[in-house]
Amino acid sequence: MESPFLGILALLALVLLVLVTGGVGYLTLADWRDRRLQENEKRELRRSTPKRR
């Protein structure tokens, strides 16, 4: 017979796994978005500055 304590621990472990996975996914997406914005800003800055000869 399974102990209720083990069931609660398994459920808690699953919830924590989902939360940590979601957090890592969010941070990865935010980092990708920030890098893309920085690259676009650099490109725009290069286009807008006059070239020196």
PDB file of N, CA and C in Angstrom:
ATOM      1  N   MET A   1       0.828  -1.184   0.000  1.00  0.00           N
ATOM      2  CA  MET A   1       0.000   0.000   0.000  1.00  0.00           C
ATOM      3  C   MET A   1       0.876   1.254   0.000  1.00  0.00           C
ATOM      4  N   GLU A   2       0.520   2.224  -0.821  1.00  0.00           N
ATOM      5  CA  GLU A   2       1.317   3.438  -0.966  1.00  0.00           C
ATOM      6  C   GLU A   2       0.978   4.436   0.129  1.00  0.00           C
ATOM      7  N   SER A   3       2.010   5.046   0.644  1.00  0.00           N
ATOM      8  CA  SER A   3       1.833   6.044   1.695  1.00  0.00           C
ATOM      9  C   SER A   3       1.360   7.365   1.084  1.00  0.00           C
ATOM     10  N   PRO A   4       0.423   8.070   1.734  1.00  0.00           N
ATOM     11  CA  PRO A   4      -0.020   9.379   1.218  1.00  0.00           C
ATOM     12  C   PRO A   4       1.141  10.384   1.166  1.00  0.00           C
ATOM     13  N   PHE A   5       2.083  10.210   2.073  1.00  0.00           N
ATOM     14  CA  PHE A   5       3.253  11.092   2.108  1.00  0.00           C
ATOM     15  C   PHE A   5       4.054  11.002   0.806  1.00  0.00           C
ATOM     16  N   LEU A   6       4.235   9.787   0.290  1.00  0.00           N
ATOM     17  CA  LEU A   6       4.980   9.610  -0.961  1.00  0.00           C
ATOM     18  C   LEU A   6       4.231  10.224  -2.136  1.00  0.00           C
ATOM     19  N   GLY A   7       2.910  10.127  -2.139  1.00  0.00           N
ATOM     20  CA  GLY A   7       2.110  10.740  -3.198  1.00  0.00           C
ATOM     21  C   GLY A   7       2.230  12.246  -3.195  1.00  0.00           C
ATOM     22  N   ILE A   8       2.216  12.830  -1.988  1.00  0.00           N
ATOM     23  CA  ILE A   8       2.360  14.289  -1.868  1.00  0.00           C
ATOM     24  C   ILE A   8       3.749  14.717  -2.325  1.00  0.00           C
ATOM     25  N   LEU A   9       4.768  13.955  -1.940  1.00  0.00           N
ATOM     26  CA  LEU A   9       6.140  14.273  -2.365  1.00  0.00           C
ATOM     27  C   LEU A   9       6.285  14.184  -3.888  1.00  0.00           C
ATOM     28  N   ALA A  10       5.685  13.180  -4.480  1.00  0.00           N
ATOM     29  CA  ALA A  10       5.765  13.026  -5.936  1.00  0.00           C
ATOM     30  C   ALA A  10       5.066  14.184  -6.631  1.00  0.00           C
ATOM     31  N   LEU A  11       3.913  14.590  -6.124  1.00  0.00           N
ATOM     32  CA  LEU A  11       3.190  15.719  -6.709  1.00  0.00           C
ATOM     33  C   LEU A  11       3.988  17.011  -6.556  1.00  0.00           C
ATOM     34  N   LEU A  12       4.570  17.212  -5.377  1.00  0.00           N
ATOM     35  CA  LEU A  12       5.392  18.398  -5.141  1.00  0.00           C
ATOM     36  C   LEU A  12       6.606  18.418  -6.077  1.00  0.00           C
ATOM     37  N   ALA A  13       7.231  17.266  -6.270  1.00  0.00           N
ATOM     38  CA  ALA A  13       8.386  17.180  -7.167  1.00  0.00           C
ATOM     39  C   ALA A  13       7.976  17.518  -8.597  1.00  0.00           C
ATOM     40  N   LEU A  14       6.822  17.043  -9.016  1.00  0.00           N
ATOM     41  CA  LEU A  14       6.340  17.342 -10.366  1.00  0.00           C
ATOM     42  C   LEU A  14       6.050  18.833 -10.541  1.00  0.00           C
ATOM     43  N   VAL A  15       5.408  19.439  -9.538  1.00  0.00           N
ATOM     44  CA  VAL A  15       5.099  20.875  -9.598  1.00  0.00           C
ATOM     45  C   VAL A  15       6.391  21.684  -9.653  1.00  0.00           C
ATOM     46  N   LEU A  16       7.363  21.340  -8.820  1.00  0.00           N
ATOM     47  CA  LEU A  16       8.635  22.057  -8.825  1.00  0.00           C
ATOM     48  C   LEU A  16       9.370  21.887 -10.153  1.00  0.00           C
ATOM     49  N   LEU A  17       9.310  20.705 -10.723  1.00  0.00           N
ATOM     50  CA  LEU A  17       9.944  20.458 -12.014  1.00  0.00           C
ATOM     51  C   LEU A  17       9.331  21.349 -13.093  1.00  0.00           C
ATOM     52  N   VAL A  18       8.004  21.454 -13.094  1.00  0.00           N
ATOM     53  CA  VAL A  18       7.326  22.292 -14.081  1.00  0.00           C
ATOM     54  C   VAL A  18       7.688  23.758 -13.873  1.00  0.00           C
ATOM     55  N   LEU A  19       7.721  24.211 -12.619  1.00  0.00           N
ATOM     56  CA  LEU A  19       8.065  25.607 -12.337  1.00  0.00           C
ATOM     57  C   LEU A  19       9.496  25.948 -12.754  1.00  0.00           C
ATOM     58  N   VAL A  20      10.430  25.076 -12.431  1.00  0.00           N
ATOM     59  CA  VAL A  20      11.835  25.330 -12.791  1.00  0.00           C
ATOM     60  C   VAL A  20      12.005  25.301 -14.306  1.00  0.00           C
ATOM     61  N   THR A  21      11.377  24.353 -14.974  1.00  0.00           N
ATOM     62  CA  THR A  21      11.462  24.274 -16.431  1.00  0.00           C
ATOM     63  C   THR A  21      10.859  25.522 -17.078  1.00  0.00           C
ATOM     64  N   GLY A  22       9.734  25.963 -16.572  1.00  0.00           N
ATOM     65  CA  GLY A  22       9.119  27.186 -17.092  1.00  0.00           C
ATOM     66  C   GLY A  22       9.995  28.400 -16.858  1.00  0.00           C
ATOM     67  N   GLY A  23      10.621  28.479 -15.694  1.00  0.00           N
ATOM     68  CA  GLY A  23      11.520  29.597 -15.397  1.00  0.00           C
ATOM     69  C   GLY A  23      12.724  29.629 -16.317  1.00  0.00           C
ATOM     70  N   VAL A  24      13.316  28.480 -16.554  1.00  0.00           N
ATOM     71  CA  VAL A  24      14.464  28.412 -17.467  1.00  0.00           C
ATOM     72  C   VAL A  24      14.037  28.786 -18.880  1.00  0.00           C
ATOM     73  N   GLY A  25      12.880  28.309 -19.300  1.00  0.00           N
ATOM     74  CA  GLY A  25      12.379  28.676 -20.631  1.00  0.00           C
ATOM     75  C   GLY A  25      12.135  30.163 -20.753  1.00  0.00           C
ATOM     76  N   TYR A  26      11.560  30.767 -19.722  1.00  0.00           N
ATOM     77  CA  TYR A  26      11.305  32.213 -19.742  1.00  0.00           C
ATOM     78  C   TYR A  26      12.605  32.999 -19.816  1.00  0.00           C
ATOM     79  N   LEU A  27      13.595  32.620 -18.992  1.00  0.00           N
ATOM     80  CA  LEU A  27      14.876  33.330 -19.012  1.00  0.00           C
ATOM     81  C   LEU A  27      15.584  33.176 -20.355  1.00  0.00           C
ATOM     82  N   THR A  28      15.504  32.005 -20.951  1.00  0.00           N
ATOM     83  CA  THR A  28      16.114  31.779 -22.260  1.00  0.00           C
ATOM     84  C   THR A  28      15.447  32.649 -23.319  1.00  0.00           C
ATOM     85  N   LEU A  29      14.129  32.701 -23.298  1.00  0.00           N
ATOM     86  CA  LEU A  29      13.388  33.526 -24.255  1.00  0.00           C
ATOM     87  C   LEU A  29      13.692  35.010 -24.056  1.00  0.00           C
ATOM     88  N   ALA A  30      13.750  35.457 -22.807  1.00  0.00           N
ATOM     89  CA  ALA A  30      14.043  36.862 -22.526  1.00  0.00           C
ATOM     90  C   ALA A  30      15.453  37.221 -22.996  1.00  0.00           C
ATOM     91  N   ASP A  31      16.419  36.336 -22.766  1.00  0.00           N
ATOM     92  CA  ASP A  31      17.794  36.592 -23.201  1.00  0.00           C
ATOM     93  C   ASP A  31      17.878  36.661 -24.720  1.00  0.00           C
ATOM     94  N   TRP A  32      17.195  35.750 -25.407  1.00  0.00           N
ATOM     95  CA  TRP A  32      17.178  35.754 -26.873  1.00  0.00           C
ATOM     96  C   TRP A  32      16.565  37.053 -27.396  1.00  0.00           C
ATOM     97  N   ARG A  33      15.450  37.466 -26.785  1.00  0.00           N
ATOM     98  CA  ARG A  33      14.775  38.688 -27.211  1.00  0.00           C
ATOM     99  C   ARG A  33      15.673  39.912 -26.998  1.00  0.00           C
ATOM    100  N   ASP A  34      16.347  39.975 -25.845  1.00  0.00           N
ATOM    101  CA  ASP A  34      17.225  41.108 -25.559  1.00  0.00           C
ATOM    102  C   ASP A  34      18.403  41.166 -26.523  1.00  0.00           C
ATOM    103  N   ARG A  35      18.987  40.014 -26.830  1.00  0.00           N
ATOM    104  CA  ARG A  35      20.106  39.991 -27.787  1.00  0.00           C
ATOM    105  C   ARG A  35      19.667  40.452 -29.168  1.00  0.00           C
ATOM    106  N   ARG A  36      18.478  40.007 -29.577  1.00  0.00           N
ATOM    107  CA  ARG A  36      17.955  40.403 -30.885  1.00  0.00           C
ATOM    108  C   ARG A  36      17.719  41.909 -30.939  1.00  0.00           C
ATOM    109  N   LEU A  37      17.173  42.479 -29.862  1.00  0.00           N
ATOM    110  CA  LEU A  37      16.950  43.925 -29.821  1.00  0.00           C
ATOM    111  C   LEU A  37      18.274  44.685 -29.860  1.00  0.00           C
ATOM    112  N   GLN A  38      19.278  44.198 -29.131  1.00  0.00           N
ATOM    113  CA  GLN A  38      20.590  44.863 -29.139  1.00  0.00           C
ATOM    114  C   GLN A  38      21.219  44.811 -30.531  1.00  0.00           C
ATOM    115  N   GLU A  39      21.099  43.669 -31.205  1.00  0.00           N
ATOM    116  CA  GLU A  39      21.661  43.564 -32.549  1.00  0.00           C
ATOM    117  C   GLU A  39      20.955  44.511 -33.507  1.00  0.00           C
ATOM    118  N   ASN A  40      19.632  44.627 -33.387  1.00  0.00           N
ATOM    119  CA  ASN A  40      18.888  45.555 -34.241  1.00  0.00           C
ATOM    120  C   ASN A  40      19.286  46.998 -33.965  1.00  0.00           C
ATOM    121  N   GLU A  41      19.485  47.349 -32.686  1.00  0.00           N
ATOM    122  CA  GLU A  41      19.911  48.710 -32.346  1.00  0.00           C
ATOM    123  C   GLU A  41      21.297  49.005 -32.911  1.00  0.00           C
ATOM    124  N   LYS A  42      22.202  48.041 -32.845  1.00  0.00           N
ATOM    125  CA  LYS A  42      23.547  48.229 -33.401  1.00  0.00           C
ATOM    126  C   LYS A  42      23.471  48.453 -34.907  1.00  0.00           C
ATOM    127  N   ARG A  43      22.614  47.667 -35.582  1.00  0.00           N
ATOM    128  CA  ARG A  43      22.467  47.827 -37.033  1.00  0.00           C
ATOM    129  C   ARG A  43      21.920  49.209 -37.380  1.00  0.00           C
ATOM    130  N   GLU A  44      20.916  49.645 -36.632  1.00  0.00           N
ATOM    131  CA  GLU A  44      20.326  50.964 -36.883  1.00  0.00           C
ATOM    132  C   GLU A  44      21.349  52.065 -36.620  1.00  0.00           C
ATOM    133  N   LEU A  45      22.154  51.904 -35.582  1.00  0.00           N
ATOM    134  CA  LEU A  45      23.164  52.903 -35.260  1.00  0.00           C
ATOM    135  C   LEU A  45      24.208  52.974 -36.368  1.00  0.00           C
ATOM    136  N   ARG A  46      24.602  51.823 -36.909  1.00  0.00           N
ATOM    137  CA  ARG A  46      25.576  51.819 -38.005  1.00  0.00           C
ATOM    138  C   ARG A  46      25.011  52.488 -39.246  1.00  0.00           C
ATOM    139  N   ARG A  47      23.731  52.296 -39.503  1.00  0.00           N
ATOM    140  CA  ARG A  47      23.105  52.906 -40.677  1.00  0.00           C
ATOM    141  C   ARG A  47      22.989  54.417 -40.528  1.00  0.00           C
ATOM    142  N   SER A  48      22.726  54.878 -39.304  1.00  0.00           N
ATOM    143  CA  SER A  48      22.453  56.304 -39.109  1.00  0.00           C
ATOM    144  C   SER A  48      23.698  57.157 -38.955  1.00  0.00           C
ATOM    145  N   THR A  49      24.841  56.531 -38.626  1.00  0.00           N
ATOM    146  CA  THR A  49      26.059  57.339 -38.465  1.00  0.00           C
ATOM    147  C   THR A  49      26.698  57.557 -39.832  1.00  0.00           C
ATOM    148  N   PRO A  50      27.130  58.798 -40.082  1.00  0.00           N
ATOM    149  CA  PRO A  50      27.792  59.064 -41.385  1.00  0.00           C
ATOM    150  C   PRO A  50      29.159  58.399 -41.441  1.00  0.00           C
ATOM    151  N   LYS A  51      29.508  57.929 -42.637  1.00  0.00           N
ATOM    152  CA  LYS A  51      30.793  57.274 -42.828  1.00  0.00           C
ATOM    153  C   LYS A  51      31.875  58.336 -43.012  1.00  0.00           C
ATOM    154  N   ARG A  52      33.005  58.149 -42.333  1.00  0.00           N
ATOM    155  CA  ARG A  52      34.133  59.091 -42.460  1.00  0.00           C
ATOM    156  C   ARG A  52      35.097  58.559 -43.498  1.00  0.00           C
ATOM    157  N   ARG A  53      35.700  59.485 -44.218  1.00  0.00           N
ATOM    158  CA  ARG A  53      36.677  59.077 -45.234  1.00  0.00           C
ATOM    159  C   ARG A  53      38.019  59.691 -44.954  1.00  0.00           C
TER     160      ARG A  53
END
